[in-house]
């Protein structure tokens, strides 16, 4: 039994979390525009 679909789902989950985290931090930056002190690098 191959486990490649499980790896695919893990990559999809990580990518989804990255998108959600980026959108959430951008929302925080718009809310606190006077002090953008949080730096988040999702993909390097």
N, C-alpha and C. Protein backbone atom coordinates (compact mmCIF):
# COMPACT_ATOMS: atom_id res chain seq x y z
N UNK A 1 0.84 -1.20 0.00
CA UNK A 1 0.00 0.00 0.00
C UNK A 1 0.88 1.25 0.00
N UNK A 2 0.67 2.10 -0.96
CA UNK A 2 1.50 3.30 -1.08
C UNK A 2 1.03 4.39 -0.13
N UNK A 3 1.97 5.19 0.37
CA UNK A 3 1.66 6.27 1.32
C UNK A 3 1.82 7.64 0.68
N UNK A 4 1.96 7.71 -0.63
CA UNK A 4 2.13 9.01 -1.28
C UNK A 4 0.92 9.93 -1.11
N UNK A 5 -0.31 9.45 -1.16
CA UNK A 5 -1.45 10.35 -0.91
C UNK A 5 -1.39 11.02 0.46
N UNK A 6 -0.88 10.31 1.47
CA UNK A 6 -0.74 10.91 2.80
C UNK A 6 0.25 12.08 2.75
N UNK A 7 1.35 11.91 2.04
CA UNK A 7 2.32 12.99 1.89
C UNK A 7 1.69 14.16 1.16
N UNK A 8 0.88 13.85 0.14
CA UNK A 8 0.20 14.91 -0.60
C UNK A 8 -0.74 15.70 0.31
N UNK A 9 -1.49 15.00 1.16
CA UNK A 9 -2.40 15.69 2.09
C UNK A 9 -1.64 16.54 3.09
N UNK A 10 -0.46 16.06 3.52
CA UNK A 10 0.36 16.85 4.45
C UNK A 10 0.82 18.14 3.77
N UNK A 11 1.25 18.04 2.51
CA UNK A 11 1.68 19.24 1.79
C UNK A 11 0.51 20.20 1.59
N UNK A 12 -0.67 19.67 1.27
CA UNK A 12 -1.85 20.52 1.11
C UNK A 12 -2.19 21.21 2.43
N UNK A 13 -2.10 20.49 3.53
CA UNK A 13 -2.40 21.06 4.85
C UNK A 13 -1.40 22.16 5.21
N UNK A 14 -0.12 21.91 4.97
CA UNK A 14 0.91 22.91 5.28
C UNK A 14 0.71 24.15 4.42
N UNK A 15 0.43 23.96 3.13
CA UNK A 15 0.19 25.09 2.24
C UNK A 15 -1.04 25.88 2.69
N UNK A 16 -2.10 25.17 3.06
CA UNK A 16 -3.33 25.83 3.53
C UNK A 16 -3.08 26.63 4.80
N UNK A 17 -2.33 26.06 5.72
CA UNK A 17 -2.00 26.78 6.95
C UNK A 17 -1.17 28.01 6.66
N UNK A 18 -0.26 27.91 5.69
CA UNK A 18 0.55 29.07 5.31
C UNK A 18 -0.32 30.19 4.75
N UNK A 19 -1.28 29.83 3.90
CA UNK A 19 -2.17 30.84 3.33
C UNK A 19 -3.02 31.48 4.42
N UNK A 20 -3.56 30.66 5.32
CA UNK A 20 -4.40 31.19 6.41
C UNK A 20 -3.58 32.09 7.32
N UNK A 21 -2.36 31.65 7.67
CA UNK A 21 -1.50 32.44 8.55
C UNK A 21 -1.12 33.76 7.90
N UNK A 22 -0.81 33.74 6.61
CA UNK A 22 -0.47 34.97 5.91
C UNK A 22 -1.65 35.93 5.88
N UNK A 23 -2.82 35.42 5.57
CA UNK A 23 -4.02 36.26 5.56
C UNK A 23 -4.31 36.82 6.94
N UNK A 24 -4.11 36.00 7.99
CA UNK A 24 -4.38 36.45 9.35
C UNK A 24 -3.41 37.55 9.77
N UNK A 25 -2.12 37.37 9.44
CA UNK A 25 -1.13 38.38 9.82
C UNK A 25 -1.35 39.67 9.02
N UNK A 26 -1.76 39.56 7.77
CA UNK A 26 -2.08 40.77 7.00
C UNK A 26 -3.27 41.49 7.62
N UNK A 27 -4.23 40.74 8.13
CA UNK A 27 -5.36 41.35 8.82
C UNK A 27 -4.91 42.09 10.08
N UNK A 28 -3.95 41.49 10.80
CA UNK A 28 -3.41 42.15 11.99
C UNK A 28 -2.66 43.42 11.60
N UNK A 29 -1.89 43.33 10.49
CA UNK A 29 -1.15 44.51 10.04
C UNK A 29 -2.10 45.64 9.66
N UNK A 30 -3.24 45.31 9.05
CA UNK A 30 -4.21 46.35 8.71
C UNK A 30 -4.87 46.91 9.98
N UNK A 31 -5.05 46.05 10.98
CA UNK A 31 -5.67 46.50 12.24
C UNK A 31 -4.69 47.34 13.04
N UNK A 32 -3.43 46.93 13.10
CA UNK A 32 -2.39 47.68 13.82
C UNK A 32 -1.41 48.26 12.81
N UNK A 33 -1.85 49.23 12.04
CA UNK A 33 -1.02 49.81 10.99
C UNK A 33 0.07 50.71 11.57
N UNK A 34 -0.11 51.15 12.82
CA UNK A 34 0.86 52.08 13.41
C UNK A 34 2.12 51.35 13.89
N UNK A 35 2.03 50.04 14.20
CA UNK A 35 3.20 49.33 14.69
C UNK A 35 3.27 47.91 14.11
N UNK A 36 3.73 47.79 12.87
CA UNK A 36 3.90 46.44 12.27
C UNK A 36 5.20 45.80 12.74
N UNK A 37 5.21 45.22 13.95
CA UNK A 37 6.43 44.68 14.52
C UNK A 37 6.60 43.19 14.28
N UNK A 38 5.54 42.52 13.78
CA UNK A 38 5.62 41.09 13.57
C UNK A 38 6.08 40.79 12.15
N UNK A 39 7.15 40.04 12.04
CA UNK A 39 7.67 39.64 10.73
C UNK A 39 7.47 38.13 10.59
N UNK A 40 6.75 37.72 9.55
CA UNK A 40 6.49 36.30 9.34
C UNK A 40 6.93 35.89 7.94
N UNK A 41 7.88 34.97 7.89
CA UNK A 41 8.35 34.45 6.60
C UNK A 41 7.84 33.02 6.47
N UNK A 42 6.80 32.84 5.65
CA UNK A 42 6.19 31.52 5.52
C UNK A 42 7.03 30.63 4.62
N UNK A 43 7.40 31.13 3.44
CA UNK A 43 8.13 30.31 2.48
C UNK A 43 9.52 30.89 2.24
N UNK A 44 10.53 30.08 2.51
CA UNK A 44 11.90 30.51 2.25
C UNK A 44 12.64 29.43 1.49
